[in-house]
Amino acid sequence: MWDYKVLPQPGAQEYNDARIGASYSYDPYVDSSCSRITTELMCRSKRLLITYDTPQIAQQKAEYIRNNGLGGAMWWELDADKARGNGSLVEVVRATMGELEYRENELHYPGSSTSRSMSPPKSLRSWKAVG
């Protein structure tokens, strides 16, 4: 798995396909010293395809969410995002969808048989765009 903040990799070309709402990078590098006789495993080559969202595709997805009244967007790892002002996907989605809602997490386990509360700590919050 790649962190978005290190993509595209050096030497890779980035592609956006708005028609299908997808983006990726591809590094076609193949060592020119390879001959037809050497096997592909012996050649230095990347031929690396990595799929991920770019700011353009994240904006397209956020517009779809907003325009269709869907519940919101999510990310697997916030620390994998790029810095604000440098292509941050969270920043793009937030700007497209509008103000973020802030409220306490609604998880509650009143029927729990444990002696301590199973409710999450107050530090856990629920965020979603409102608009």
Protein backbone atom coordinates (compact mmCIF):
# COMPACT_ATOMS: atom_id res chain seq x y z
CA MET A 1 0.00 0.00 0.00
CA TRP A 2 1.29 3.46 -0.90
CA ASP A 3 0.76 6.70 1.01
CA TYR A 4 -0.89 9.28 -1.24
CA LYS A 5 1.63 11.91 -0.06
CA VAL A 6 4.42 10.07 -1.96
CA LEU A 7 2.48 9.68 -5.21
CA PRO A 8 3.04 9.72 -8.07
CA GLN A 9 6.37 7.96 -7.71
CA PRO A 10 9.40 9.55 -9.42
CA GLY A 11 9.34 8.69 -13.13
CA ALA A 12 5.64 7.80 -13.16
CA GLN A 13 3.01 9.63 -15.20
CA GLU A 14 -0.31 10.47 -13.52
CA TYR A 15 -3.62 9.92 -15.33
CA ASN A 16 -7.17 11.06 -14.55
CA ASP A 17 -10.19 9.49 -16.23
CA ALA A 18 -13.19 11.68 -15.33
CA ARG A 19 -15.48 9.50 -17.46
CA ILE A 20 -15.17 6.62 -14.97
CA GLY A 21 -14.07 8.65 -11.92
CA ALA A 22 -10.68 7.00 -11.55
CA SER A 23 -7.02 8.00 -11.45
CA TYR A 24 -3.71 6.18 -11.40
CA SER A 25 0.00 6.51 -12.08
CA TYR A 26 2.12 4.30 -14.30
CA ASP A 27 5.88 4.02 -14.58
CA PRO A 28 6.76 2.33 -17.88
CA TYR A 29 10.54 2.36 -17.26
CA VAL A 30 12.40 -0.51 -18.89
CA ASP A 31 16.20 -0.74 -18.89
CA SER A 32 17.33 -0.16 -22.48
CA SER A 33 20.31 -2.51 -21.98
CA CYS A 34 17.96 -5.50 -21.86
CA SER A 35 18.08 -7.70 -24.90
CA ARG A 36 15.46 -10.01 -26.29
CA ILE A 37 17.49 -12.95 -25.00
CA THR A 38 17.48 -11.91 -21.31
CA THR A 39 14.42 -12.75 -19.34
CA GLU A 40 12.18 -9.99 -18.05
CA LEU A 41 13.12 -10.91 -14.46
CA MET A 42 16.77 -10.13 -15.21
CA CYS A 43 15.94 -6.67 -16.59
CA ARG A 44 15.55 -3.67 -14.37
CA SER A 45 12.01 -2.54 -14.98
CA LYS A 46 9.26 -0.97 -12.97
CA ARG A 47 6.14 -1.18 -15.11
CA LEU A 48 4.37 -0.10 -11.93
CA LEU A 49 0.66 0.82 -11.92
CA ILE A 50 -0.76 2.41 -8.75
CA THR A 51 -4.42 3.41 -8.44
CA TYR A 52 -5.44 6.23 -6.11
CA ASP A 53 -7.58 9.36 -6.05
CA THR A 54 -6.11 12.65 -7.24
CA PRO A 55 -7.54 16.05 -6.25
CA GLN A 56 -9.47 16.19 -9.54
CA ILE A 57 -11.10 12.80 -8.97
CA ALA A 58 -11.69 13.50 -5.25
CA GLN A 59 -13.51 16.70 -6.24
CA GLN A 60 -15.59 14.80 -8.80
CA LYS A 61 -16.54 12.20 -6.16
CA ALA A 62 -17.34 14.91 -3.57
CA GLU A 63 -19.61 16.68 -6.09
CA TYR A 64 -21.41 13.38 -6.71
CA ILE A 65 -21.86 12.86 -2.94
CA ARG A 66 -23.14 16.42 -2.45
CA ASN A 67 -25.40 16.45 -5.53
CA ASN A 68 -27.00 13.11 -4.63
CA GLY A 69 -27.50 13.84 -0.92
CA LEU A 70 -25.29 10.96 0.21
CA GLY A 71 -23.99 10.61 3.78
CA GLY A 72 -20.37 11.69 3.38
CA ALA A 73 -16.84 10.68 2.46
CA MET A 74 -14.17 8.68 4.30
CA TRP A 75 -10.47 7.91 4.17
CA TRP A 76 -8.51 4.88 5.30
CA GLU A 77 -5.53 6.83 6.63
CA LEU A 78 -5.58 10.58 7.19
CA ASP A 79 -1.82 10.68 7.81
CA ALA A 80 -1.24 9.41 4.24
CA ASP A 81 -2.76 12.62 2.80
CA LYS A 82 -0.67 15.44 1.36
CA ALA A 83 -0.27 18.70 3.28
CA ARG A 84 -2.91 21.44 3.09
CA GLY A 85 -2.35 23.63 0.05
CA ASN A 86 -0.27 20.88 -1.60
CA GLY A 87 -2.94 18.61 -3.06
CA SER A 88 -4.64 17.41 0.15
CA LEU A 89 -7.60 15.18 -0.72
CA VAL A 90 -9.33 15.98 2.59
CA GLU A 91 -8.99 19.70 1.85
CA VAL A 92 -10.45 19.28 -1.66
CA VAL A 93 -13.41 17.18 -0.47
CA ARG A 94 -14.12 19.53 2.42
CA ALA A 95 -14.04 22.58 0.12
CA THR A 96 -16.35 20.85 -2.36
CA MET A 97 -18.87 19.50 0.15
CA GLY A 98 -18.98 22.49 2.51
CA GLU A 99 -18.72 22.98 6.25
CA LEU A 100 -17.90 20.00 8.46
CA GLU A 101 -20.33 18.92 11.16
CA TYR A 102 -18.84 18.27 14.60
CA ARG A 103 -20.60 16.13 17.21
CA GLU A 104 -19.97 13.52 19.85
CA ASN A 105 -19.71 9.90 18.75
CA GLU A 106 -23.12 8.26 19.19
CA LEU A 107 -21.89 4.81 20.20
CA HIS A 108 -23.49 3.66 23.45
CA TYR A 109 -23.76 0.21 25.06
CA PRO A 110 -26.35 0.48 27.87
CA GLY A 111 -26.81 -3.31 28.15
CA SER A 112 -23.13 -4.08 28.64
CA SER A 113 -22.35 -6.50 31.50
CA THR A 114 -18.85 -5.10 32.05
CA SER A 115 -18.15 -2.95 35.09
CA ARG A 116 -16.78 -0.08 33.07
CA SER A 117 -18.54 1.82 30.32
CA MET A 118 -18.03 0.52 26.83
CA SER A 119 -18.68 3.95 25.36
CA PRO A 120 -15.73 5.40 23.46
CA PRO A 121 -13.68 8.16 25.08
CA LYS A 122 -14.79 11.75 24.48
CA SER A 123 -11.72 12.27 22.30
CA LEU A 124 -13.39 10.20 19.57
CA ARG A 125 -15.56 12.45 17.47
CA SER A 126 -17.76 12.08 14.43
CA TRP A 127 -17.09 14.43 11.50
CA LYS A 128 -19.11 14.79 8.34
CA ALA A 129 -19.78 17.52 5.82
CA VAL A 130 -23.03 19.39 6.08
CA GLY A 131 -24.55 21.24 3.21
